[in-house]
Amino acid sequence: MEQGGRPRIERAQSAIVALGLSGFIILLCLLLVFLGFAQAGTISGKAEIVDGDTLVIGATKIRLNAIDAPETDQSCLDAYQKLYPCGLLARDRLRAYIGQSTVSCETEGIDRYGRNLAICFLKDTDLNNWLVREGLALAYIQYSNRYQQGEEEARRNRKGLWSGAFVAPWDWRHRTPQTPLLGAIAAKVSQTSLSNIGVQSPPIPDCAIKGNVNHKGDRIYFLPVTSAYGKVKMDKGLGERWFCSEQEAEAAGWRKAKN
C-alpha cells in the first residue's frame, strides 16, 4: 500500500504546487493590470499652479508631460536685451489662463519624484501644447516629440521666449559660460550673458529659498530662517537653484532641511 500509494500522493502534491503557481501567476497579472490603471487615469479639479509645468490638484502633484518650462529662478532676455524673470512669467501666465476653472489631467505615468506625468486640459485646450505654442515652454524632445510642431510655430512667430534669448530649461539647471543660447537675438548677445545670473542671489526677493545638493547627492532646501542658510553656497554646476515656496521645492523633489 505504501509503495503503490506514493505515486498518487506525489501526483496530488504536484497538482497542488501547479495550482499554487498558476494562482500566483494570475495574482501577479492582476497586480500589473492594477498598477497600469493606477498610472493611467483622469484627475480633475481646481489646480494650484506651482510653476510653469507643475500643478497640484487636491493632494496630487502633477508634472505636465513632454514639455519643459523655465525654472522659477530663471532669467531670460527679451527682444530689447532686457533681463526678465521668464520662469515666473510662465508660471503667472499659466495661473492667469486657468483662473478658477476646473482642469482635467490624463495621467501617463509617474516620474522619479513621485509626480503624476500628465496632459492637462482646460475644457478642450491642451495646456501642455498651449504653453509651448505661446513660447512659455519648450517641447521636451528628449522624451517625446509630441509638441515639436507647436515649438516650431512658436519659434517661427517669435512667441514668448523665442522673441529674445534664453537658455533651455534643461541646460539652465547645469549652465556654464559655454551653454548655448536660443531665441531670435541669441546671435547678437554674449554667450555668457545669462550664465551667472541668479547664482548667489535670488531672481527676486520673494524667491529666496536655497535648493542645495549635498555631497551625497541629496536635494535639500533651506529657508531664510534656517540657521545654516547663510553657510549654504549656491553651485549651479550641481543643479542647485532658488525656490519661491516650499510647495514648489517639494514638488520638484527637494526635502526640507532639518536645521
C-alpha atoms as a PDB file:
ATOM      1  CA  MET A   1       0.000   0.000   0.000  1.00  0.00           C
ATOM      2  CA  GLU A   2       2.781   2.440   0.920  1.00  0.00           C
ATOM      3  CA  GLN A   3       4.736   1.683  -2.236  1.00  0.00           C
ATOM      4  CA  GLY A   4       1.732   1.674  -4.524  1.00  0.00           C
ATOM      5  CA  GLY A   5       0.154   4.793  -2.952  1.00  0.00           C
ATOM      6  CA  ARG A   6       3.235   7.051  -3.182  1.00  0.00           C
ATOM      7  CA  PRO A   7       2.825   7.960  -6.910  1.00  0.00           C
ATOM      8  CA  ARG A   8      -0.759   9.073  -6.218  1.00  0.00           C
ATOM      9  CA  ILE A   9       0.387  11.200  -3.273  1.00  0.00           C
ATOM     10  CA  GLU A  10       3.197  12.708  -5.322  1.00  0.00           C
ATOM     11  CA  ARG A  11       0.801  13.457  -8.184  1.00  0.00           C
ATOM     12  CA  ALA A  12      -1.566  15.150  -5.736  1.00  0.00           C
ATOM     13  CA  GLN A  13       1.282  17.231  -4.316  1.00  0.00           C
ATOM     14  CA  SER A  14       2.395  18.203  -7.836  1.00  0.00           C
ATOM     15  CA  ALA A  15      -1.147  19.277  -8.697  1.00  0.00           C
ATOM     16  CA  ILE A  16      -1.312  21.481  -5.588  1.00  0.00           C
ATOM     17  CA  VAL A  17       2.050  23.034  -6.421  1.00  0.00           C
ATOM     18  CA  ALA A  18       0.970  23.617 -10.027  1.00  0.00           C
ATOM     19  CA  LEU A  19      -2.287  25.178  -8.861  1.00  0.00           C
ATOM     20  CA  GLY A  20      -0.381  27.380  -6.462  1.00  0.00           C
ATOM     21  CA  LEU A  21       1.976  28.508  -9.225  1.00  0.00           C
ATOM     22  CA  SER A  22      -0.926  29.238 -11.550  1.00  0.00           C
ATOM     23  CA  GLY A  23      -2.664  31.192  -8.832  1.00  0.00           C
ATOM     24  CA  PHE A  24       0.496  33.185  -8.200  1.00  0.00           C
ATOM     25  CA  ILE A  25       0.835  33.997 -11.904  1.00  0.00           C
ATOM     26  CA  ILE A  26      -2.815  35.102 -12.076  1.00  0.00           C
ATOM     27  CA  LEU A  27      -2.352  37.272  -8.967  1.00  0.00           C
ATOM     28  CA  LEU A  28       0.787  38.802 -10.454  1.00  0.00           C
ATOM     29  CA  CYS A  29      -1.013  39.619 -13.713  1.00  0.00           C
ATOM     30  CA  LEU A  30      -3.884  41.244 -11.814  1.00  0.00           C
ATOM     31  CA  LEU A  31      -1.377  43.296  -9.823  1.00  0.00           C
ATOM     32  CA  LEU A  32       0.335  44.504 -13.007  1.00  0.00           C
ATOM     33  CA  VAL A  33      -3.032  45.441 -14.513  1.00  0.00           C
ATOM     34  CA  PHE A  34      -3.909  47.334 -11.327  1.00  0.00           C
ATOM     35  CA  LEU A  35      -0.610  49.240 -11.408  1.00  0.00           C
ATOM     36  CA  GLY A  36      -1.248  50.097 -15.055  1.00  0.00           C
ATOM     37  CA  PHE A  37      -4.613  51.601 -14.141  1.00  0.00           C
ATOM     38  CA  ALA A  38      -3.003  53.433 -11.242  1.00  0.00           C
ATOM     39  CA  GLN A  39      -0.587  55.093 -13.636  1.00  0.00           C
ATOM     40  CA  ALA A  40      -3.172  55.928 -16.284  1.00  0.00           C
ATOM     41  CA  GLY A  41      -6.313  57.764 -15.267  1.00  0.00           C
ATOM     42  CA  THR A  42      -8.036  61.125 -15.003  1.00  0.00           C
ATOM     43  CA  ILE A  43      -7.543  63.699 -12.259  1.00  0.00           C
ATOM     44  CA  SER A  44      -9.861  66.712 -12.266  1.00  0.00           C
ATOM     45  CA  GLY A  45     -10.388  69.737 -10.075  1.00  0.00           C
ATOM     46  CA  LYS A  46      -9.206  73.237  -9.233  1.00  0.00           C
ATOM     47  CA  ALA A  47      -5.491  73.491  -9.952  1.00  0.00           C
ATOM     48  CA  GLU A  48      -2.893  75.273  -7.870  1.00  0.00           C
ATOM     49  CA  ILE A  49      -0.049  76.362 -10.151  1.00  0.00           C
ATOM     50  CA  VAL A  50       3.386  75.681  -8.671  1.00  0.00           C
ATOM     51  CA  ASP A  51       5.478  76.688 -11.678  1.00  0.00           C
ATOM     52  CA  GLY A  52       5.269  76.752 -15.462  1.00  0.00           C
ATOM     53  CA  ASP A  53       4.977  72.980 -15.817  1.00  0.00           C
ATOM     54  CA  THR A  54       3.859  71.765 -12.384  1.00  0.00           C
ATOM     55  CA  LEU A  55       0.487  71.973 -10.685  1.00  0.00           C
ATOM     56  CA  VAL A  56      -1.364  70.426  -7.779  1.00  0.00           C
ATOM     57  CA  ILE A  57      -4.962  69.195  -7.773  1.00  0.00           C
ATOM     58  CA  GLY A  58      -6.109  68.306  -4.271  1.00  0.00           C
ATOM     59  CA  ALA A  59      -3.125  66.483  -2.803  1.00  0.00           C
ATOM     60  CA  THR A  60      -1.871  65.206  -6.162  1.00  0.00           C
ATOM     61  CA  LYS A  61       1.276  66.683  -7.696  1.00  0.00           C
ATOM     62  CA  ILE A  62       1.226  66.791 -11.484  1.00  0.00           C
ATOM     63  CA  ARG A  63       4.096  67.398 -13.897  1.00  0.00           C
ATOM     64  CA  LEU A  64       2.953  68.430 -17.384  1.00  0.00           C
ATOM     65  CA  ASN A  65       4.348  65.715 -19.618  1.00  0.00           C
ATOM     66  CA  ALA A  66       6.556  66.172 -22.706  1.00  0.00           C
ATOM     67  CA  ILE A  67       7.287  69.880 -22.071  1.00  0.00           C
ATOM     68  CA  ASP A  68       9.810  71.849 -20.019  1.00  0.00           C
ATOM     69  CA  ALA A  69       9.134  75.397 -18.796  1.00  0.00           C
ATOM     70  CA  PRO A  70      11.768  77.787 -17.417  1.00  0.00           C
ATOM     71  CA  GLU A  71      12.573  77.354 -13.734  1.00  0.00           C
ATOM     72  CA  THR A  72      11.106  79.970 -11.403  1.00  0.00           C
ATOM     73  CA  ASP A  73      14.640  81.243 -10.699  1.00  0.00           C
ATOM     74  CA  GLN A  74      15.437  81.506 -14.417  1.00  0.00           C
ATOM     75  CA  SER A  75      16.046  84.818 -16.186  1.00  0.00           C
ATOM     76  CA  CYS A  76      15.925  85.490 -19.926  1.00  0.00           C
ATOM     77  CA  LEU A  77      16.500  88.399 -22.289  1.00  0.00           C
ATOM     78  CA  ASP A  78      13.600  89.995 -24.114  1.00  0.00           C
ATOM     79  CA  ALA A  79      13.710  91.345 -27.676  1.00  0.00           C
ATOM     80  CA  TYR A  80      15.370  94.530 -26.384  1.00  0.00           C
ATOM     81  CA  GLN A  81      18.069  92.582 -24.495  1.00  0.00           C
ATOM     82  CA  LYS A  82      16.491  93.416 -21.137  1.00  0.00           C
ATOM     83  CA  LEU A  83      16.549  90.797 -18.379  1.00  0.00           C
ATOM     84  CA  TYR A  84      13.217  89.495 -17.142  1.00  0.00           C
ATOM     85  CA  PRO A  85      12.144  86.580 -14.871  1.00  0.00           C
ATOM     86  CA  CYS A  86      10.893  84.244 -17.589  1.00  0.00           C
ATOM     87  CA  GLY A  87      10.242  81.352 -15.192  1.00  0.00           C
ATOM     88  CA  LEU A  88       7.947  83.436 -13.028  1.00  0.00           C
ATOM     89  CA  LEU A  89       6.265  84.824 -16.136  1.00  0.00           C
ATOM     90  CA  ALA A  90       5.483  81.300 -17.398  1.00  0.00           C
ATOM     91  CA  ARG A  91       4.002  80.406 -14.015  1.00  0.00           C
ATOM     92  CA  ASP A  92       1.912  83.568 -13.823  1.00  0.00           C
ATOM     93  CA  ARG A  93       0.659  83.290 -17.407  1.00  0.00           C
ATOM     94  CA  LEU A  94      -0.491  79.719 -16.785  1.00  0.00           C
ATOM     95  CA  ARG A  95      -2.096  80.757 -13.492  1.00  0.00           C
ATOM     96  CA  ALA A  96      -3.959  83.631 -15.168  1.00  0.00           C
ATOM     97  CA  TYR A  97      -5.055  81.491 -18.134  1.00  0.00           C
ATOM     98  CA  ILE A  98      -6.587  78.810 -15.909  1.00  0.00           C
ATOM     99  CA  GLY A  99      -8.028  81.142 -13.285  1.00  0.00           C
ATOM    100  CA  GLN A 100     -10.548  79.307 -11.110  1.00  0.00           C
ATOM    101  CA  SER A 101     -11.646  76.917 -13.842  1.00  0.00           C
ATOM    102  CA  THR A 102     -11.590  73.152 -13.473  1.00  0.00           C
ATOM    103  CA  VAL A 103      -8.620  71.379 -15.035  1.00  0.00           C
ATOM    104  CA  SER A 104      -8.713  67.769 -16.219  1.00  0.00           C
ATOM    105  CA  CYS A 105      -5.451  65.791 -16.447  1.00  0.00           C
ATOM    106  CA  GLU A 106      -4.902  62.489 -18.245  1.00  0.00           C
ATOM    107  CA  THR A 107      -2.070  60.768 -16.401  1.00  0.00           C
ATOM    108  CA  GLU A 108       0.559  58.768 -18.279  1.00  0.00           C
ATOM    109  CA  GLY A 109       2.903  57.588 -15.559  1.00  0.00           C
ATOM    110  CA  ILE A 110       4.910  58.618 -12.504  1.00  0.00           C
ATOM    111  CA  ASP A 111       8.262  60.423 -12.552  1.00  0.00           C
ATOM    112  CA  ARG A 112      11.189  59.743 -10.207  1.00  0.00           C
ATOM    113  CA  TYR A 113       9.959  62.425  -7.797  1.00  0.00           C
ATOM    114  CA  GLY A 114       6.564  60.776  -7.398  1.00  0.00           C
ATOM    115  CA  ARG A 115       4.681  63.279  -9.547  1.00  0.00           C
ATOM    116  CA  ASN A 116       1.993  62.211 -11.990  1.00  0.00           C
ATOM    117  CA  LEU A 117       3.074  62.827 -15.585  1.00  0.00           C
ATOM    118  CA  ALA A 118       0.038  64.114 -17.447  1.00  0.00           C
ATOM    119  CA  ILE A 119      -1.533  66.003 -20.299  1.00  0.00           C
ATOM    120  CA  CYS A 120      -3.859  68.574 -18.757  1.00  0.00           C
ATOM    121  CA  PHE A 121      -6.856  70.251 -20.356  1.00  0.00           C
ATOM    122  CA  LEU A 122      -8.813  73.435 -19.778  1.00  0.00           C
ATOM    123  CA  LYS A 123     -12.058  72.439 -21.459  1.00  0.00           C
ATOM    124  CA  ASP A 124     -10.817  71.370 -24.931  1.00  0.00           C
ATOM    125  CA  THR A 125      -7.451  73.158 -24.742  1.00  0.00           C
ATOM    126  CA  ASP A 126      -4.343  71.028 -24.239  1.00  0.00           C
ATOM    127  CA  LEU A 127      -2.474  73.155 -21.672  1.00  0.00           C
ATOM    128  CA  ASN A 128       0.860  71.483 -22.399  1.00  0.00           C
ATOM    129  CA  ASN A 129       0.501  72.422 -26.042  1.00  0.00           C
ATOM    130  CA  TRP A 130      -0.753  75.921 -25.187  1.00  0.00           C
ATOM    131  CA  LEU A 131       2.365  76.645 -23.129  1.00  0.00           C
ATOM    132  CA  VAL A 132       4.638  75.529 -25.966  1.00  0.00           C
ATOM    133  CA  ARG A 133       2.726  77.444 -28.671  1.00  0.00           C
ATOM    134  CA  GLU A 134       2.783  80.604 -26.536  1.00  0.00           C
ATOM    135  CA  GLY A 135       6.553  80.316 -26.210  1.00  0.00           C
ATOM    136  CA  LEU A 136       6.299  79.798 -22.445  1.00  0.00           C
ATOM    137  CA  ALA A 137       7.778  76.285 -22.503  1.00  0.00           C
ATOM    138  CA  LEU A 138       9.749  74.018 -24.816  1.00  0.00           C
ATOM    139  CA  ALA A 139       8.896  70.626 -26.225  1.00  0.00           C
ATOM    140  CA  TYR A 140      10.862  68.128 -24.126  1.00  0.00           C
ATOM    141  CA  ILE A 141      12.125  66.253 -27.173  1.00  0.00           C
ATOM    142  CA  GLN A 142      14.486  64.117 -25.097  1.00  0.00           C
ATOM    143  CA  TYR A 143      11.348  62.252 -24.026  1.00  0.00           C
ATOM    144  CA  SER A 144       8.750  62.989 -26.715  1.00  0.00           C
ATOM    145  CA  ASN A 145       8.278  64.904 -29.971  1.00  0.00           C
ATOM    146  CA  ARG A 146       4.547  65.309 -29.293  1.00  0.00           C
ATOM    147  CA  TYR A 147       4.785  69.109 -29.110  1.00  0.00           C
ATOM    148  CA  GLN A 148       7.628  69.686 -31.519  1.00  0.00           C
ATOM    149  CA  GLN A 149       5.354  71.208 -34.169  1.00  0.00           C
ATOM    150  CA  GLY A 150       3.978  73.690 -31.620  1.00  0.00           C
ATOM    151  CA  GLU A 151       7.511  74.689 -30.694  1.00  0.00           C
ATOM    152  CA  GLU A 152       8.445  75.243 -34.342  1.00  0.00           C
ATOM    153  CA  GLU A 153       5.427  77.547 -34.727  1.00  0.00           C
ATOM    154  CA  ALA A 154       6.374  79.500 -31.603  1.00  0.00           C
ATOM    155  CA  ARG A 155       9.944  79.881 -32.841  1.00  0.00           C
ATOM    156  CA  ARG A 156       8.818  80.981 -36.302  1.00  0.00           C
ATOM    157  CA  ASN A 157       6.389  83.536 -34.836  1.00  0.00           C
ATOM    158  CA  ARG A 158       8.865  84.683 -32.159  1.00  0.00           C
ATOM    159  CA  LYS A 159       6.427  83.983 -29.376  1.00  0.00           C
ATOM    160  CA  GLY A 160       7.423  84.385 -25.753  1.00  0.00           C
ATOM    161  CA  LEU A 161      10.906  83.063 -25.049  1.00  0.00           C
ATOM    162  CA  TRP A 162      11.696  82.941 -28.756  1.00  0.00           C
ATOM    163  CA  SER A 163      11.458  86.731 -29.165  1.00  0.00           C
ATOM    164  CA  GLY A 164      14.658  87.248 -27.166  1.00  0.00           C
ATOM    165  CA  ALA A 165      17.432  84.993 -25.888  1.00  0.00           C
ATOM    166  CA  PHE A 166      17.296  82.235 -23.310  1.00  0.00           C
ATOM    167  CA  VAL A 167      18.885  79.037 -22.064  1.00  0.00           C
ATOM    168  CA  ALA A 168      16.879  75.832 -22.493  1.00  0.00           C
ATOM    169  CA  PRO A 169      15.414  74.884 -19.087  1.00  0.00           C
ATOM    170  CA  TRP A 170      17.223  71.537 -19.035  1.00  0.00           C
ATOM    171  CA  ASP A 171      20.533  73.386 -19.638  1.00  0.00           C
ATOM    172  CA  TRP A 172      19.772  76.169 -17.143  1.00  0.00           C
ATOM    173  CA  ARG A 173      19.976  73.682 -14.268  1.00  0.00           C
ATOM    174  CA  HIS A 174      23.613  72.952 -15.105  1.00  0.00           C
ATOM    175  CA  ARG A 175      24.590  76.029 -17.096  1.00  0.00           C
ATOM    176  CA  THR A 176      28.169  77.099 -17.790  1.00  0.00           C
ATOM    177  CA  PRO A 177      29.654  80.015 -19.781  1.00  0.00           C
ATOM    178  CA  GLN A 178      29.649  77.660 -22.784  1.00  0.00           C
ATOM    179  CA  THR A 179      25.942  76.841 -22.571  1.00  0.00           C
ATOM    180  CA  PRO A 180      24.326  77.830 -25.904  1.00  0.00           C
ATOM    181  CA  LEU A 181      21.592  80.453 -26.115  1.00  0.00           C
ATOM    182  CA  LEU A 182      18.366  80.083 -28.063  1.00  0.00           C
ATOM    183  CA  GLY A 183      15.983  82.681 -29.462  1.00  0.00           C
ATOM    184  CA  ALA A 184      15.741  85.387 -32.117  1.00  0.00           C
ATOM    185  CA  ILE A 185      18.527  87.583 -30.693  1.00  0.00           C
ATOM    186  CA  ALA A 186      20.794  84.787 -29.429  1.00  0.00           C
ATOM    187  CA  ALA A 187      23.440  85.578 -32.063  1.00  0.00           C
ATOM    188  CA  LYS A 188      23.512  89.245 -31.027  1.00  0.00           C
ATOM    189  CA  VAL A 189      24.351  88.775 -27.340  1.00  0.00           C
ATOM    190  CA  SER A 190      27.255  87.280 -25.450  1.00  0.00           C
ATOM    191  CA  GLN A 191      27.003  83.565 -24.778  1.00  0.00           C
ATOM    192  CA  THR A 192      27.926  84.261 -21.159  1.00  0.00           C
ATOM    193  CA  SER A 193      25.252  86.944 -20.660  1.00  0.00           C
ATOM    194  CA  LEU A 194      22.963  84.561 -18.765  1.00  0.00           C
ATOM    195  CA  SER A 195      25.391  82.012 -17.314  1.00  0.00           C
ATOM    196  CA  ASN A 196      25.986  83.754 -13.968  1.00  0.00           C
ATOM    197  CA  ILE A 197      22.517  85.199 -13.437  1.00  0.00           C
ATOM    198  CA  GLY A 198      20.862  84.067 -10.227  1.00  0.00           C
ATOM    199  CA  VAL A 199      23.822  82.112  -8.864  1.00  0.00           C
ATOM    200  CA  GLN A 200      24.491  83.670  -5.451  1.00  0.00           C
ATOM    201  CA  SER A 201      21.422  85.902  -5.268  1.00  0.00           C
ATOM    202  CA  PRO A 202      17.750  85.095  -5.921  1.00  0.00           C
ATOM    203  CA  PRO A 203      15.984  86.384  -9.062  1.00  0.00           C
ATOM    204  CA  ILE A 204      13.589  88.371  -6.854  1.00  0.00           C
ATOM    205  CA  PRO A 205      13.481  88.811  -3.039  1.00  0.00           C
ATOM    206  CA  ASP A 206      10.370  86.619  -2.748  1.00  0.00           C
ATOM    207  CA  CYS A 207      12.210  83.626  -4.208  1.00  0.00           C
ATOM    208  CA  ALA A 208      14.968  83.281  -1.613  1.00  0.00           C
ATOM    209  CA  ILE A 209      14.689  79.593  -0.663  1.00  0.00           C
ATOM    210  CA  LYS A 210      18.007  77.866  -1.401  1.00  0.00           C
ATOM    211  CA  GLY A 211      17.975  74.478  -3.105  1.00  0.00           C
ATOM    212  CA  ASN A 212      21.239  72.735  -2.199  1.00  0.00           C
ATOM    213  CA  VAL A 213      22.754  69.408  -3.306  1.00  0.00           C
ATOM    214  CA  ASN A 214      24.979  67.850  -0.633  1.00  0.00           C
ATOM    215  CA  HIS A 215      27.968  65.521  -1.077  1.00  0.00           C
ATOM    216  CA  LYS A 216      25.638  62.504  -1.073  1.00  0.00           C
ATOM    217  CA  GLY A 217      23.561  63.966  -3.882  1.00  0.00           C
ATOM    218  CA  ASP A 218      20.601  64.675  -1.576  1.00  0.00           C
ATOM    219  CA  ARG A 219      18.460  67.610  -2.735  1.00  0.00           C
ATOM    220  CA  ILE A 220      17.677  69.773   0.313  1.00  0.00           C
ATOM    221  CA  TYR A 221      16.098  73.215   0.557  1.00  0.00           C
ATOM    222  CA  PHE A 222      16.867  75.855   3.170  1.00  0.00           C
ATOM    223  CA  LEU A 223      14.514  78.621   4.309  1.00  0.00           C
ATOM    224  CA  PRO A 224      15.994  82.059   5.080  1.00  0.00           C
ATOM    225  CA  VAL A 225      15.139  81.494   8.763  1.00  0.00           C
ATOM    226  CA  THR A 226      17.205  78.290   8.884  1.00  0.00           C
ATOM    227  CA  SER A 227      20.362  78.552  10.993  1.00  0.00           C
ATOM    228  CA  ALA A 228      22.522  77.075   8.221  1.00  0.00           C
ATOM    229  CA  TYR A 229      21.062  79.310   5.496  1.00  0.00           C
ATOM    230  CA  GLY A 230      23.960  81.778   5.394  1.00  0.00           C
ATOM    231  CA  LYS A 231      26.512  78.976   5.121  1.00  0.00           C
ATOM    232  CA  VAL A 232      24.884  77.420   2.057  1.00  0.00           C
ATOM    233  CA  LYS A 233      26.709  78.382  -1.152  1.00  0.00           C
ATOM    234  CA  MET A 234      24.920  78.005  -4.443  1.00  0.00           C
ATOM    235  CA  ASP A 235      26.648  75.983  -7.165  1.00  0.00           C
ATOM    236  CA  LYS A 236      24.820  75.999 -10.484  1.00  0.00           C
ATOM    237  CA  GLY A 237      27.074  73.205 -11.777  1.00  0.00           C
ATOM    238  CA  LEU A 238      25.382  70.832  -9.322  1.00  0.00           C
ATOM    239  CA  GLY A 239      21.928  71.894 -10.401  1.00  0.00           C
ATOM    240  CA  GLU A 240      21.357  73.971  -7.273  1.00  0.00           C
ATOM    241  CA  ARG A 241      18.637  76.584  -7.577  1.00  0.00           C
ATOM    242  CA  TRP A 242      16.315  79.063  -5.888  1.00  0.00           C
ATOM    243  CA  PHE A 243      12.679  78.425  -4.999  1.00  0.00           C
ATOM    244  CA  CYS A 244       9.780  80.776  -4.362  1.00  0.00           C
ATOM    245  CA  SER A 245       7.872  78.475  -1.985  1.00  0.00           C
ATOM    246  CA  GLU A 246       8.236  75.258  -0.013  1.00  0.00           C
ATOM    247  CA  GLN A 247       5.491  73.725  -2.126  1.00  0.00           C
ATOM    248  CA  GLU A 248       7.479  74.418  -5.272  1.00  0.00           C
ATOM    249  CA  ALA A 249      10.640  72.902  -3.783  1.00  0.00           C
ATOM    250  CA  GLU A 250       8.868  69.750  -2.626  1.00  0.00           C
ATOM    251  CA  ALA A 251       7.007  69.395  -5.921  1.00  0.00           C
ATOM    252  CA  ALA A 252      10.404  69.441  -7.650  1.00  0.00           C
ATOM    253  CA  GLY A 253      11.651  66.591  -5.442  1.00  0.00           C
ATOM    254  CA  TRP A 254      13.596  68.503  -2.761  1.00  0.00           C
ATOM    255  CA  ARG A 255      13.221  67.947   1.012  1.00  0.00           C
ATOM    256  CA  LYS A 256      13.306  70.456   3.831  1.00  0.00           C
ATOM    257  CA  ALA A 257      16.496  70.940   5.849  1.00  0.00           C
ATOM    258  CA  LYS A 258      16.294  69.737   9.450  1.00  0.00           C
ATOM    259  CA  ASN A 259      18.092  72.742  10.913  1.00  0.00           C
END
